[in-house]
Amino acid sequence: MASFLIHVKNIIAGFNKGWWFIAGITSLILGAIGAFLPVLPTTPLIILAAFCFSKSSPKLQAWLENTKTFGPIIADWRKTGAIAPKYKIMAVSMMAVTFIASAIFGASGLVLIIQAVGMSIGAAYVLTRPNS
C-alpha cells in the first residue's frame, strides 16, 4: 500500500510540474509580447515566469535569470522587490498610451472606467515598489 501511495504522489508531483511549466511558458510568451504591446505588463509576467519555472524547470529558470534582458529585472525583484525607474516610467507611459488610444478609438464609457480603475491600481503598485 505504501508503494502505491508513493507512486500516486510521484504522478501528482509530475502533473503539478507540468502545470507550472505551462504557466511559465504562457507567462514568458505574454511577457515577450508585452515588450511590444502596451496592453500587457512585461515585468510582472517575466517575474511570474521565473517563479513558475522554479517549480517546474530549473534549467529554464536559470536560462531566464541569466538573460541579458530579463535577468537584472528578476534579480532586482528577488533582492528587494524593486523595479528600476526606467521600467516604472515605461509601464506607466504604456498604460497612459493605451488609455488614450482606447478613448480616441471610441471605447465605451464603461470600458474606459474599467481601464482607468485597473490601470490606476497597476500604476500605483508599480510606482510604490522600491527603485533598484
C-alpha atoms as a PDB file:
ATOM      1  CA  MET A   1       0.000   0.000   0.000  1.00  0.00           C
ATOM      2  CA  ALA A   2       2.818   2.414   0.860  1.00  0.00           C
ATOM      3  CA  SER A   3       4.426   1.736  -2.529  1.00  0.00           C
ATOM      4  CA  PHE A   4       1.157   2.590  -4.272  1.00  0.00           C
ATOM      5  CA  LEU A   5       0.847   5.867  -2.345  1.00  0.00           C
ATOM      6  CA  ILE A   6       4.405   6.840  -3.254  1.00  0.00           C
ATOM      7  CA  HIS A   7       3.621   6.095  -6.911  1.00  0.00           C
ATOM      8  CA  VAL A   8       0.463   8.233  -6.774  1.00  0.00           C
ATOM      9  CA  LYS A   9       2.414  11.041  -5.067  1.00  0.00           C
ATOM     10  CA  ASN A  10       5.023  10.974  -7.868  1.00  0.00           C
ATOM     11  CA  ILE A  11       2.303  11.108 -10.534  1.00  0.00           C
ATOM     12  CA  ILE A  12       0.687  14.103  -8.840  1.00  0.00           C
ATOM     13  CA  ALA A  13       4.061  15.855  -8.482  1.00  0.00           C
ATOM     14  CA  GLY A  14       4.738  15.336 -12.192  1.00  0.00           C
ATOM     15  CA  PHE A  15       1.282  16.624 -13.066  1.00  0.00           C
ATOM     16  CA  ASN A  16       1.845  19.724 -10.965  1.00  0.00           C
ATOM     17  CA  LYS A  17       5.243  20.307 -12.590  1.00  0.00           C
ATOM     18  CA  GLY A  18       3.539  20.169 -15.965  1.00  0.00           C
ATOM     19  CA  TRP A  19       1.034  22.832 -14.983  1.00  0.00           C
ATOM     20  CA  TRP A  20       3.793  25.045 -13.557  1.00  0.00           C
ATOM     21  CA  PHE A  21       5.725  24.608 -16.811  1.00  0.00           C
ATOM     22  CA  ILE A  22       2.692  25.538 -18.944  1.00  0.00           C
ATOM     23  CA  ALA A  23       2.049  28.577 -16.734  1.00  0.00           C
ATOM     24  CA  GLY A  24       5.712  29.594 -17.049  1.00  0.00           C
ATOM     25  CA  ILE A  25       5.776  29.286 -20.833  1.00  0.00           C
ATOM     26  CA  THR A  26       2.474  31.155 -21.139  1.00  0.00           C
ATOM     27  CA  SER A  27       3.702  33.928 -18.852  1.00  0.00           C
ATOM     28  CA  LEU A  28       7.004  34.181 -20.726  1.00  0.00           C
ATOM     29  CA  ILE A  29       5.263  34.428 -24.105  1.00  0.00           C
ATOM     30  CA  LEU A  30       2.805  37.041 -22.847  1.00  0.00           C
ATOM     31  CA  GLY A  31       5.670  38.989 -21.245  1.00  0.00           C
ATOM     32  CA  ALA A  32       7.621  38.948 -24.505  1.00  0.00           C
ATOM     33  CA  ILE A  33       4.549  40.154 -26.391  1.00  0.00           C
ATOM     34  CA  GLY A  34       4.108  42.816 -23.713  1.00  0.00           C
ATOM     35  CA  ALA A  35       7.521  44.216 -24.584  1.00  0.00           C
ATOM     36  CA  PHE A  36       5.958  45.357 -27.867  1.00  0.00           C
ATOM     37  CA  LEU A  37       2.315  45.881 -26.943  1.00  0.00           C
ATOM     38  CA  PRO A  38       1.309  48.384 -24.278  1.00  0.00           C
ATOM     39  CA  VAL A  39      -1.597  46.235 -23.114  1.00  0.00           C
ATOM     40  CA  LEU A  40       0.493  43.534 -21.399  1.00  0.00           C
ATOM     41  CA  PRO A  41       2.807  44.259 -18.441  1.00  0.00           C
ATOM     42  CA  THR A  42       6.191  42.713 -19.274  1.00  0.00           C
ATOM     43  CA  THR A  43       7.963  42.876 -15.915  1.00  0.00           C
ATOM     44  CA  PRO A  44       5.355  41.120 -13.727  1.00  0.00           C
ATOM     45  CA  LEU A  45       4.849  38.426 -16.356  1.00  0.00           C
ATOM     46  CA  ILE A  46       8.579  37.705 -16.600  1.00  0.00           C
ATOM     47  CA  ILE A  47       8.852  37.552 -12.806  1.00  0.00           C
ATOM     48  CA  LEU A  48       5.876  35.166 -12.775  1.00  0.00           C
ATOM     49  CA  ALA A  49       7.539  33.025 -15.465  1.00  0.00           C
ATOM     50  CA  ALA A  50      10.707  32.762 -13.352  1.00  0.00           C
ATOM     51  CA  PHE A  51       8.611  31.698 -10.360  1.00  0.00           C
ATOM     52  CA  CYS A  52       6.737  29.075 -12.389  1.00  0.00           C
ATOM     53  CA  PHE A  53       9.982  27.706 -13.809  1.00  0.00           C
ATOM     54  CA  SER A  54      11.394  27.451 -10.278  1.00  0.00           C
ATOM     55  CA  LYS A  55       8.582  24.945  -9.634  1.00  0.00           C
ATOM     56  CA  SER A  56       8.957  23.032 -12.899  1.00  0.00           C
ATOM     57  CA  SER A  57      12.192  23.532 -14.807  1.00  0.00           C
ATOM     58  CA  PRO A  58      15.375  24.660 -13.054  1.00  0.00           C
ATOM     59  CA  LYS A  59      17.115  24.796 -16.462  1.00  0.00           C
ATOM     60  CA  LEU A  60      14.600  27.285 -17.868  1.00  0.00           C
ATOM     61  CA  GLN A  61      14.684  29.244 -14.629  1.00  0.00           C
ATOM     62  CA  ALA A  62      18.478  29.511 -14.841  1.00  0.00           C
ATOM     63  CA  TRP A  63      18.307  30.457 -18.524  1.00  0.00           C
ATOM     64  CA  LEU A  64      15.744  33.195 -17.865  1.00  0.00           C
ATOM     65  CA  GLU A  65      17.679  34.561 -14.904  1.00  0.00           C
ATOM     66  CA  ASN A  66      20.870  34.697 -16.972  1.00  0.00           C
ATOM     67  CA  THR A  67      19.447  36.501 -19.992  1.00  0.00           C
ATOM     68  CA  LYS A  68      20.759  39.998 -20.566  1.00  0.00           C
ATOM     69  CA  THR A  69      17.260  41.407 -20.973  1.00  0.00           C
ATOM     70  CA  PHE A  70      15.312  39.794 -18.151  1.00  0.00           C
ATOM     71  CA  GLY A  71      17.978  38.638 -15.690  1.00  0.00           C
ATOM     72  CA  PRO A  72      18.504  42.030 -13.990  1.00  0.00           C
ATOM     73  CA  ILE A  73      14.750  42.580 -13.622  1.00  0.00           C
ATOM     74  CA  ILE A  74      14.323  39.229 -11.882  1.00  0.00           C
ATOM     75  CA  ALA A  75      17.409  39.757  -9.692  1.00  0.00           C
ATOM     76  CA  ASP A  76      16.225  43.193  -8.550  1.00  0.00           C
ATOM     77  CA  TRP A  77      12.790  41.822  -7.740  1.00  0.00           C
ATOM     78  CA  ARG A  78      14.170  38.881  -5.765  1.00  0.00           C
ATOM     79  CA  LYS A  79      16.595  41.010  -3.749  1.00  0.00           C
ATOM     80  CA  THR A  80      14.356  43.881  -2.738  1.00  0.00           C
ATOM     81  CA  GLY A  81      11.063  43.759  -4.604  1.00  0.00           C
ATOM     82  CA  ALA A  82      12.450  46.644  -6.648  1.00  0.00           C
ATOM     83  CA  ILE A  83      11.623  47.869 -10.141  1.00  0.00           C
ATOM     84  CA  ALA A  84      14.090  50.127 -11.943  1.00  0.00           C
ATOM     85  CA  PRO A  85      12.829  53.678 -12.533  1.00  0.00           C
ATOM     86  CA  LYS A  86      13.123  53.300 -16.323  1.00  0.00           C
ATOM     87  CA  TYR A  87      10.758  50.313 -16.206  1.00  0.00           C
ATOM     88  CA  LYS A  88       8.364  52.207 -13.954  1.00  0.00           C
ATOM     89  CA  ILE A  89       8.264  55.093 -16.424  1.00  0.00           C
ATOM     90  CA  MET A  90       7.813  52.690 -19.320  1.00  0.00           C
ATOM     91  CA  ALA A  91       4.979  50.822 -17.598  1.00  0.00           C
ATOM     92  CA  VAL A  92       3.043  53.932 -16.604  1.00  0.00           C
ATOM     93  CA  SER A  93       3.621  55.534 -20.018  1.00  0.00           C
ATOM     94  CA  MET A  94       2.314  52.457 -21.811  1.00  0.00           C
ATOM     95  CA  MET A  95      -0.758  52.440 -19.586  1.00  0.00           C
ATOM     96  CA  ALA A  96      -1.409  56.086 -20.430  1.00  0.00           C
ATOM     97  CA  VAL A  97      -0.922  55.491 -24.161  1.00  0.00           C
ATOM     98  CA  THR A  98      -3.281  52.528 -24.064  1.00  0.00           C
ATOM     99  CA  PHE A  99      -5.931  54.522 -22.225  1.00  0.00           C
ATOM    100  CA  ILE A 100      -5.638  57.476 -24.613  1.00  0.00           C
ATOM    101  CA  ALA A 101      -5.757  55.182 -27.656  1.00  0.00           C
ATOM    102  CA  SER A 102      -8.865  53.493 -26.265  1.00  0.00           C
ATOM    103  CA  ALA A 103     -10.533  56.881 -25.866  1.00  0.00           C
ATOM    104  CA  ILE A 104      -9.507  58.023 -29.357  1.00  0.00           C
ATOM    105  CA  PHE A 105     -10.756  54.807 -30.969  1.00  0.00           C
ATOM    106  CA  GLY A 106     -14.126  55.166 -29.281  1.00  0.00           C
ATOM    107  CA  ALA A 107     -14.137  52.690 -26.419  1.00  0.00           C
ATOM    108  CA  SER A 108     -17.344  52.867 -24.421  1.00  0.00           C
ATOM    109  CA  GLY A 109     -17.530  54.792 -21.187  1.00  0.00           C
ATOM    110  CA  LEU A 110     -17.747  51.577 -19.178  1.00  0.00           C
ATOM    111  CA  VAL A 111     -14.603  50.199 -20.810  1.00  0.00           C
ATOM    112  CA  LEU A 112     -12.752  53.454 -20.118  1.00  0.00           C
ATOM    113  CA  ILE A 113     -13.837  53.394 -16.472  1.00  0.00           C
ATOM    114  CA  ILE A 114     -12.697  49.773 -16.087  1.00  0.00           C
ATOM    115  CA  GLN A 115      -9.381  50.623 -17.755  1.00  0.00           C
ATOM    116  CA  ALA A 116      -8.911  53.702 -15.607  1.00  0.00           C
ATOM    117  CA  VAL A 117      -9.523  51.773 -12.397  1.00  0.00           C
ATOM    118  CA  GLY A 118      -7.388  48.785 -13.419  1.00  0.00           C
ATOM    119  CA  MET A 119      -4.527  50.876 -14.756  1.00  0.00           C
ATOM    120  CA  SER A 120      -4.608  53.159 -11.713  1.00  0.00           C
ATOM    121  CA  ILE A 121      -4.236  50.154  -9.429  1.00  0.00           C
ATOM    122  CA  GLY A 122      -1.451  48.769 -11.630  1.00  0.00           C
ATOM    123  CA  ALA A 123       0.353  52.106 -11.800  1.00  0.00           C
ATOM    124  CA  ALA A 124       0.050  52.612  -8.044  1.00  0.00           C
ATOM    125  CA  TYR A 125       1.563  49.189  -7.431  1.00  0.00           C
ATOM    126  CA  VAL A 126       4.440  49.740  -9.851  1.00  0.00           C
ATOM    127  CA  LEU A 127       5.191  53.239  -8.576  1.00  0.00           C
ATOM    128  CA  THR A 128       5.202  52.203  -4.911  1.00  0.00           C
ATOM    129  CA  ARG A 129       7.853  49.489  -5.409  1.00  0.00           C
ATOM    130  CA  PRO A 130      11.340  50.466  -4.347  1.00  0.00           C
ATOM    131  CA  ASN A 131      13.746  51.657  -7.029  1.00  0.00           C
ATOM    132  CA  SER A 132      16.532  49.254  -7.930  1.00  0.00           C
END
